[in-house]
Amino acid sequence: MADTVRLDKWLWAARFYKTRPLAQKAIEGGKVRVDGARSKAGKSLQLGQEMEVRVGMEIYQITVVKLSDKRGPASVARTLYEESAASIRARERASEERRIAAKSEPRLAVGRPDKYQRRQIQKLKEKNR
C-alpha cells in the first residue's frame, strides 16, 4: 500500500463509483468534498481525512481508514473507510422518507391502453372536435 493515493482512484477502489471517469466527473461536479472543501481528481488522499461523498441521493460522511488504488471485492472495499453513525442514521431516515413518499404517490397504468380504453379515448377525441 502507498502513503498517498489519487482521490479518483480511491473512490473507484472503495466502490463509490463504478468507473474512474465517473469518479472524476463527480469530483469535478462538486459531489465529493475532502475535509470540507471541494477537491480535484488528482489530489493526494491521506489516512484520516474526512470526506463527504454524494452518490445519487445518498450522502456519505466518511473517514479514510486505508489507502488502495486497486479495486477489489466489496468486502475489502468496505474496509477502506469508516462511515459516521450520524451519516448512517441520516441515510436510513432519507431512504425511509423516499419509500413512504413513493407509496403515497398515485401509480399510473404503464403500457399501452387495452381495447376498451382505446375506444374510450376515441370517443373522447370525437366529442371534443
N, C-alpha and C. Protein backbone atom coordinates (compact mmCIF):
# COMPACT_ATOMS: atom_id res chain seq x y z
N MET A 1 0.84 -1.19 0.00
CA MET A 1 0.00 0.00 0.00
C MET A 1 0.88 1.25 0.00
N ALA A 2 0.34 2.28 -0.64
CA ALA A 2 1.08 3.53 -0.77
C ALA A 2 0.74 4.47 0.39
N ASP A 3 1.56 5.54 0.52
CA ASP A 3 1.30 6.54 1.56
C ASP A 3 0.19 7.49 1.13
N THR A 4 0.10 7.73 -0.18
CA THR A 4 -0.96 8.58 -0.71
C THR A 4 -1.52 7.93 -1.96
N VAL A 5 -2.78 8.26 -2.27
CA VAL A 5 -3.47 7.73 -3.45
C VAL A 5 -4.28 8.88 -4.05
N ARG A 6 -4.38 8.88 -5.37
CA ARG A 6 -5.23 9.87 -6.03
C ARG A 6 -6.67 9.69 -5.56
N LEU A 7 -7.36 10.79 -5.40
CA LEU A 7 -8.73 10.77 -4.91
C LEU A 7 -9.65 9.96 -5.82
N ASP A 8 -9.55 10.16 -7.13
CA ASP A 8 -10.44 9.43 -8.04
C ASP A 8 -10.18 7.92 -8.01
N LYS A 9 -8.92 7.53 -7.87
CA LYS A 9 -8.60 6.10 -7.78
C LYS A 9 -9.14 5.50 -6.50
N TRP A 10 -9.04 6.23 -5.41
CA TRP A 10 -9.52 5.72 -4.12
C TRP A 10 -11.04 5.55 -4.14
N LEU A 11 -11.74 6.55 -4.68
CA LEU A 11 -13.21 6.45 -4.75
C LEU A 11 -13.64 5.26 -5.61
N TRP A 12 -12.89 5.00 -6.66
CA TRP A 12 -13.17 3.84 -7.52
C TRP A 12 -12.87 2.55 -6.78
N ALA A 13 -11.72 2.50 -6.08
CA ALA A 13 -11.34 1.29 -5.33
C ALA A 13 -12.31 1.03 -4.18
N ALA A 14 -12.83 2.09 -3.57
CA ALA A 14 -13.76 1.95 -2.44
C ALA A 14 -15.19 1.69 -2.92
N ARG A 15 -15.37 1.60 -4.23
CA ARG A 15 -16.64 1.25 -4.87
C ARG A 15 -17.75 2.26 -4.65
N PHE A 16 -17.39 3.53 -4.55
CA PHE A 16 -18.41 4.57 -4.53
C PHE A 16 -18.89 4.84 -5.95
N TYR A 17 -17.97 4.69 -6.92
CA TYR A 17 -18.30 4.90 -8.32
C TYR A 17 -17.81 3.71 -9.12
N LYS A 18 -18.55 3.37 -10.18
CA LYS A 18 -18.28 2.17 -10.94
C LYS A 18 -17.02 2.27 -11.80
N THR A 19 -16.70 3.47 -12.28
CA THR A 19 -15.50 3.67 -13.10
C THR A 19 -14.76 4.91 -12.62
N ARG A 20 -13.50 5.01 -12.97
CA ARG A 20 -12.72 6.20 -12.61
C ARG A 20 -13.25 7.45 -13.29
N PRO A 21 -13.63 7.36 -14.60
CA PRO A 21 -14.19 8.58 -15.20
C PRO A 21 -15.45 9.09 -14.48
N LEU A 22 -16.28 8.18 -13.98
CA LEU A 22 -17.45 8.61 -13.21
C LEU A 22 -17.02 9.29 -11.91
N ALA A 23 -15.99 8.76 -11.29
CA ALA A 23 -15.46 9.38 -10.06
C ALA A 23 -14.91 10.76 -10.37
N GLN A 24 -14.20 10.90 -11.47
CA GLN A 24 -13.65 12.19 -11.87
C GLN A 24 -14.76 13.21 -12.11
N LYS A 25 -15.82 12.80 -12.82
CA LYS A 25 -16.94 13.70 -13.08
C LYS A 25 -17.62 14.13 -11.79
N ALA A 26 -17.76 13.20 -10.86
CA ALA A 26 -18.39 13.52 -9.58
C ALA A 26 -17.53 14.53 -8.81
N ILE A 27 -16.23 14.35 -8.84
CA ILE A 27 -15.33 15.27 -8.14
C ILE A 27 -15.41 16.65 -8.78
N GLU A 28 -15.36 16.70 -10.12
CA GLU A 28 -15.45 17.98 -10.83
C GLU A 28 -16.80 18.64 -10.62
N GLY A 29 -17.84 17.85 -10.45
CA GLY A 29 -19.19 18.37 -10.24
C GLY A 29 -19.47 18.80 -8.81
N GLY A 30 -18.51 18.66 -7.92
CA GLY A 30 -18.67 19.10 -6.54
C GLY A 30 -19.41 18.12 -5.66
N LYS A 31 -19.50 16.86 -6.08
CA LYS A 31 -20.21 15.86 -5.29
C LYS A 31 -19.30 15.20 -4.25
N VAL A 32 -18.02 15.55 -4.26
CA VAL A 32 -17.07 14.99 -3.30
C VAL A 32 -16.35 16.15 -2.61
N ARG A 33 -16.36 16.13 -1.29
CA ARG A 33 -15.64 17.15 -0.52
C ARG A 33 -14.65 16.45 0.39
N VAL A 34 -13.43 16.95 0.41
CA VAL A 34 -12.39 16.40 1.27
C VAL A 34 -12.08 17.45 2.33
N ASP A 35 -12.22 17.08 3.58
CA ASP A 35 -12.02 18.00 4.71
C ASP A 35 -12.84 19.28 4.54
N GLY A 36 -14.06 19.13 4.04
CA GLY A 36 -14.98 20.25 3.93
C GLY A 36 -14.81 21.13 2.71
N ALA A 37 -13.85 20.84 1.85
CA ALA A 37 -13.61 21.69 0.68
C ALA A 37 -13.69 20.86 -0.60
N ARG A 38 -14.06 21.53 -1.70
CA ARG A 38 -14.05 20.86 -2.99
C ARG A 38 -12.62 20.49 -3.33
N SER A 39 -12.48 19.48 -4.15
CA SER A 39 -11.15 18.98 -4.44
C SER A 39 -11.03 18.67 -5.92
N LYS A 40 -9.84 18.27 -6.33
CA LYS A 40 -9.59 17.85 -7.70
C LYS A 40 -9.33 16.35 -7.72
N ALA A 41 -9.53 15.73 -8.89
CA ALA A 41 -9.38 14.28 -9.01
C ALA A 41 -7.97 13.81 -8.69
N GLY A 42 -6.97 14.61 -8.97
CA GLY A 42 -5.59 14.21 -8.74
C GLY A 42 -5.08 14.49 -7.34
N LYS A 43 -5.92 14.99 -6.46
CA LYS A 43 -5.50 15.29 -5.10
C LYS A 43 -5.01 14.03 -4.41
N SER A 44 -3.94 14.16 -3.66
CA SER A 44 -3.40 13.02 -2.90
C SER A 44 -4.21 12.86 -1.63
N LEU A 45 -4.78 11.71 -1.47
CA LEU A 45 -5.60 11.39 -0.31
C LEU A 45 -4.72 10.73 0.74
N GLN A 46 -4.93 11.08 2.00
CA GLN A 46 -4.12 10.51 3.08
C GLN A 46 -5.03 9.91 4.14
N LEU A 47 -4.44 9.08 4.98
CA LEU A 47 -5.19 8.43 6.06
C LEU A 47 -5.77 9.48 7.01
N GLY A 48 -6.97 9.23 7.49
CA GLY A 48 -7.58 10.09 8.48
C GLY A 48 -8.35 11.27 7.91
N GLN A 49 -8.28 11.49 6.61
CA GLN A 49 -9.02 12.61 6.04
C GLN A 49 -10.51 12.30 6.03
N GLU A 50 -11.29 13.35 6.28
CA GLU A 50 -12.74 13.18 6.30
C GLU A 50 -13.29 13.63 4.96
N MET A 51 -14.30 12.88 4.48
CA MET A 51 -14.87 13.17 3.18
C MET A 51 -16.39 13.15 3.25
N GLU A 52 -17.00 13.89 2.34
CA GLU A 52 -18.44 13.83 2.13
C GLU A 52 -18.62 13.43 0.67
N VAL A 53 -19.25 12.29 0.44
CA VAL A 53 -19.42 11.76 -0.91
C VAL A 53 -20.91 11.62 -1.20
N ARG A 54 -21.34 12.24 -2.31
CA ARG A 54 -22.73 12.14 -2.72
C ARG A 54 -22.80 11.18 -3.90
N VAL A 55 -23.56 10.10 -3.72
CA VAL A 55 -23.77 9.11 -4.79
C VAL A 55 -25.27 9.00 -5.00
N GLY A 56 -25.74 9.55 -6.11
CA GLY A 56 -27.18 9.57 -6.34
C GLY A 56 -27.84 10.43 -5.28
N MET A 57 -28.78 9.86 -4.55
CA MET A 57 -29.46 10.60 -3.49
C MET A 57 -28.82 10.37 -2.12
N GLU A 58 -27.86 9.49 -2.05
CA GLU A 58 -27.21 9.15 -0.78
C GLU A 58 -26.02 10.07 -0.51
N ILE A 59 -25.87 10.49 0.74
CA ILE A 59 -24.72 11.29 1.15
C ILE A 59 -23.99 10.52 2.25
N TYR A 60 -22.71 10.24 2.01
CA TYR A 60 -21.88 9.50 2.96
C TYR A 60 -20.90 10.46 3.64
N GLN A 61 -20.83 10.42 4.96
CA GLN A 61 -19.82 11.15 5.73
C GLN A 61 -18.83 10.09 6.20
N ILE A 62 -17.63 10.09 5.62
CA ILE A 62 -16.70 9.01 5.90
C ILE A 62 -15.33 9.53 6.31
N THR A 63 -14.55 8.64 6.91
CA THR A 63 -13.16 8.89 7.25
C THR A 63 -12.33 7.82 6.56
N VAL A 64 -11.24 8.24 5.93
CA VAL A 64 -10.36 7.31 5.22
C VAL A 64 -9.57 6.51 6.24
N VAL A 65 -9.68 5.17 6.18
CA VAL A 65 -9.00 4.29 7.12
C VAL A 65 -7.81 3.60 6.46
N LYS A 66 -8.00 3.19 5.20
CA LYS A 66 -6.92 2.54 4.45
C LYS A 66 -6.85 3.16 3.07
N LEU A 67 -5.69 3.05 2.45
CA LEU A 67 -5.50 3.55 1.10
C LEU A 67 -5.29 2.39 0.15
N SER A 68 -5.92 2.49 -1.01
CA SER A 68 -5.74 1.47 -2.03
C SER A 68 -6.07 2.07 -3.39
N ASP A 69 -5.30 1.69 -4.40
CA ASP A 69 -5.60 2.14 -5.75
C ASP A 69 -6.03 0.97 -6.63
N LYS A 70 -6.29 -0.18 -5.99
CA LYS A 70 -6.74 -1.36 -6.72
C LYS A 70 -8.16 -1.70 -6.27
N ARG A 71 -9.01 -1.98 -7.25
CA ARG A 71 -10.39 -2.31 -6.95
C ARG A 71 -10.50 -3.80 -6.63
N GLY A 72 -11.04 -4.11 -5.48
CA GLY A 72 -11.19 -5.49 -5.05
C GLY A 72 -12.64 -5.79 -4.76
N PRO A 73 -12.89 -6.88 -4.07
CA PRO A 73 -14.27 -7.22 -3.72
C PRO A 73 -14.89 -6.18 -2.78
N ALA A 74 -16.20 -6.15 -2.76
CA ALA A 74 -16.92 -5.17 -1.95
C ALA A 74 -16.57 -5.29 -0.46
N SER A 75 -16.33 -6.50 -0.01
CA SER A 75 -16.00 -6.69 1.41
C SER A 75 -14.67 -6.01 1.75
N VAL A 76 -13.73 -6.02 0.83
CA VAL A 76 -12.44 -5.35 1.05
C VAL A 76 -12.61 -3.84 0.90
N ALA A 77 -13.40 -3.43 -0.08
CA ALA A 77 -13.63 -2.00 -0.31
C ALA A 77 -14.26 -1.35 0.91
N ARG A 78 -15.12 -2.05 1.60
CA ARG A 78 -15.79 -1.50 2.79
C ARG A 78 -14.81 -1.24 3.92
N THR A 79 -13.67 -1.90 3.93
CA THR A 79 -12.67 -1.69 4.99
C THR A 79 -11.81 -0.46 4.73
N LEU A 80 -11.93 0.16 3.56
CA LEU A 80 -11.11 1.32 3.23
C LEU A 80 -11.60 2.59 3.94
N TYR A 81 -12.83 2.59 4.40
CA TYR A 81 -13.39 3.79 5.03
C TYR A 81 -14.27 3.41 6.21
N GLU A 82 -14.54 4.41 7.01
CA GLU A 82 -15.44 4.23 8.16
C GLU A 82 -16.49 5.32 8.08
N GLU A 83 -17.74 4.92 8.07
CA GLU A 83 -18.83 5.89 7.98
C GLU A 83 -19.29 6.27 9.37
N SER A 84 -19.57 7.56 9.57
CA SER A 84 -20.00 8.04 10.88
C SER A 84 -21.41 7.53 11.19
N ALA A 85 -21.70 7.38 12.46
CA ALA A 85 -23.01 6.89 12.89
C ALA A 85 -24.11 7.86 12.49
N ALA A 86 -23.83 9.16 12.56
CA ALA A 86 -24.82 10.16 12.17
C ALA A 86 -25.14 10.06 10.68
N SER A 87 -24.13 9.78 9.89
CA SER A 87 -24.32 9.62 8.44
C SER A 87 -25.20 8.41 8.14
N ILE A 88 -24.96 7.32 8.83
CA ILE A 88 -25.76 6.10 8.63
C ILE A 88 -27.22 6.37 8.97
N ARG A 89 -27.46 7.03 10.12
CA ARG A 89 -28.83 7.35 10.54
C ARG A 89 -29.51 8.27 9.53
N ALA A 90 -28.78 9.28 9.05
CA ALA A 90 -29.36 10.23 8.09
C ALA A 90 -29.71 9.54 6.78
N ARG A 91 -28.85 8.64 6.31
CA ARG A 91 -29.13 7.91 5.07
C ARG A 91 -30.34 7.01 5.23
N GLU A 92 -30.43 6.31 6.37
CA GLU A 92 -31.58 5.43 6.62
C GLU A 92 -32.87 6.23 6.71
N ARG A 93 -32.82 7.39 7.37
CA ARG A 93 -34.01 8.24 7.51
C ARG A 93 -34.46 8.75 6.13
N ALA A 94 -33.51 9.21 5.31
CA ALA A 94 -33.84 9.71 3.98
C ALA A 94 -34.41 8.59 3.10
N SER A 95 -33.85 7.40 3.23
CA SER A 95 -34.34 6.25 2.46
C SER A 95 -35.77 5.92 2.85
N GLU A 96 -36.04 5.95 4.15
CA GLU A 96 -37.40 5.66 4.65
C GLU A 96 -38.38 6.72 4.15
N GLU A 97 -37.97 8.00 4.16
CA GLU A 97 -38.84 9.07 3.68
C GLU A 97 -39.15 8.89 2.20
N ARG A 98 -38.15 8.52 1.41
CA ARG A 98 -38.37 8.29 -0.02
C ARG A 98 -39.32 7.11 -0.24
N ARG A 99 -39.17 6.06 0.56
CA ARG A 99 -40.02 4.89 0.43
C ARG A 99 -41.47 5.25 0.76
N ILE A 100 -41.68 6.02 1.81
CA ILE A 100 -43.03 6.43 2.19
C ILE A 100 -43.63 7.36 1.13
N ALA A 101 -42.83 8.27 0.61
CA ALA A 101 -43.31 9.19 -0.42
C ALA A 101 -43.69 8.43 -1.69
N ALA A 102 -42.93 7.41 -2.02
CA ALA A 102 -43.23 6.62 -3.22
C ALA A 102 -44.55 5.87 -3.07
N LYS A 103 -44.84 5.41 -1.85
CA LYS A 103 -46.10 4.70 -1.61
C LYS A 103 -47.30 5.63 -1.69
N SER A 104 -47.12 6.91 -1.31
CA SER A 104 -48.25 7.83 -1.27
C SER A 104 -48.55 8.42 -2.64
N GLU A 105 -47.65 8.30 -3.61
CA GLU A 105 -47.89 8.84 -4.95
C GLU A 105 -48.80 7.90 -5.73
N PRO A 106 -49.68 8.49 -6.54
CA PRO A 106 -50.56 7.63 -7.35
C PRO A 106 -49.75 6.88 -8.40
N ARG A 107 -50.12 5.65 -8.63
CA ARG A 107 -49.44 4.84 -9.65
C ARG A 107 -50.22 4.95 -10.95
N LEU A 108 -49.50 5.27 -11.99
CA LEU A 108 -50.12 5.37 -13.29
C LEU A 108 -50.04 4.02 -13.99
N ALA A 109 -51.05 3.72 -14.79
CA ALA A 109 -51.02 2.48 -15.55
C ALA A 109 -49.90 2.59 -16.58
N VAL A 110 -49.06 1.61 -16.61
CA VAL A 110 -47.93 1.63 -17.52
C VAL A 110 -48.24 0.69 -18.68
N GLY A 111 -47.92 1.12 -19.87
CA GLY A 111 -48.15 0.28 -21.03
C GLY A 111 -49.21 0.86 -21.95
N ARG A 112 -49.51 0.13 -22.96
CA ARG A 112 -50.47 0.57 -23.96
C ARG A 112 -51.89 0.35 -23.46
N PRO A 113 -52.81 1.22 -23.92
CA PRO A 113 -54.20 1.03 -23.50
C PRO A 113 -54.79 -0.23 -24.15
N ASP A 114 -55.70 -0.87 -23.42
CA ASP A 114 -56.36 -2.04 -23.99
C ASP A 114 -57.50 -1.59 -24.92
N LYS A 115 -58.24 -2.54 -25.45
CA LYS A 115 -59.27 -2.25 -26.45
C LYS A 115 -60.34 -1.29 -25.87
N TYR A 116 -60.78 -1.56 -24.66
CA TYR A 116 -61.81 -0.74 -24.03
C TYR A 116 -61.30 0.69 -23.83
N GLN A 117 -60.08 0.82 -23.32
CA GLN A 117 -59.51 2.15 -23.08
C GLN A 117 -59.30 2.91 -24.39
N ARG A 118 -58.89 2.22 -25.45
CA ARG A 118 -58.72 2.86 -26.76
C ARG A 118 -60.05 3.43 -27.26
N ARG A 119 -61.10 2.67 -27.11
CA ARG A 119 -62.42 3.14 -27.55
C ARG A 119 -62.88 4.35 -26.74
N GLN A 120 -62.60 4.34 -25.44
CA GLN A 120 -62.95 5.50 -24.62
C GLN A 120 -62.17 6.74 -25.07
N ILE A 121 -60.92 6.55 -25.40
CA ILE A 121 -60.09 7.66 -25.88
C ILE A 121 -60.63 8.19 -27.20
N GLN A 122 -61.01 7.29 -28.09
CA GLN A 122 -61.56 7.71 -29.39
C GLN A 122 -62.87 8.48 -29.21
N LYS A 123 -63.75 8.02 -28.31
CA LYS A 123 -65.00 8.71 -28.05
C LYS A 123 -64.73 10.12 -27.50
N LEU A 124 -63.78 10.21 -26.60
CA LEU A 124 -63.43 11.50 -26.01
C LEU A 124 -62.89 12.45 -27.07
N LYS A 125 -62.06 11.95 -27.96
CA LYS A 125 -61.49 12.80 -29.02
C LYS A 125 -62.60 13.27 -29.98
N GLU A 126 -63.52 12.37 -30.32
CA GLU A 126 -64.62 12.73 -31.22
C GLU A 126 -65.55 13.75 -30.57
N LYS A 127 -65.75 13.61 -29.28
CA LYS A 127 -66.61 14.51 -28.54
C LYS A 127 -66.03 15.94 -28.52
N ASN A 128 -64.70 16.04 -28.44
CA ASN A 128 -64.04 17.34 -28.33
C ASN A 128 -63.80 18.02 -29.67
N ARG A 129 -64.20 17.40 -30.77
CA ARG A 129 -63.99 18.03 -32.09
C ARG A 129 -64.93 19.12 -32.33
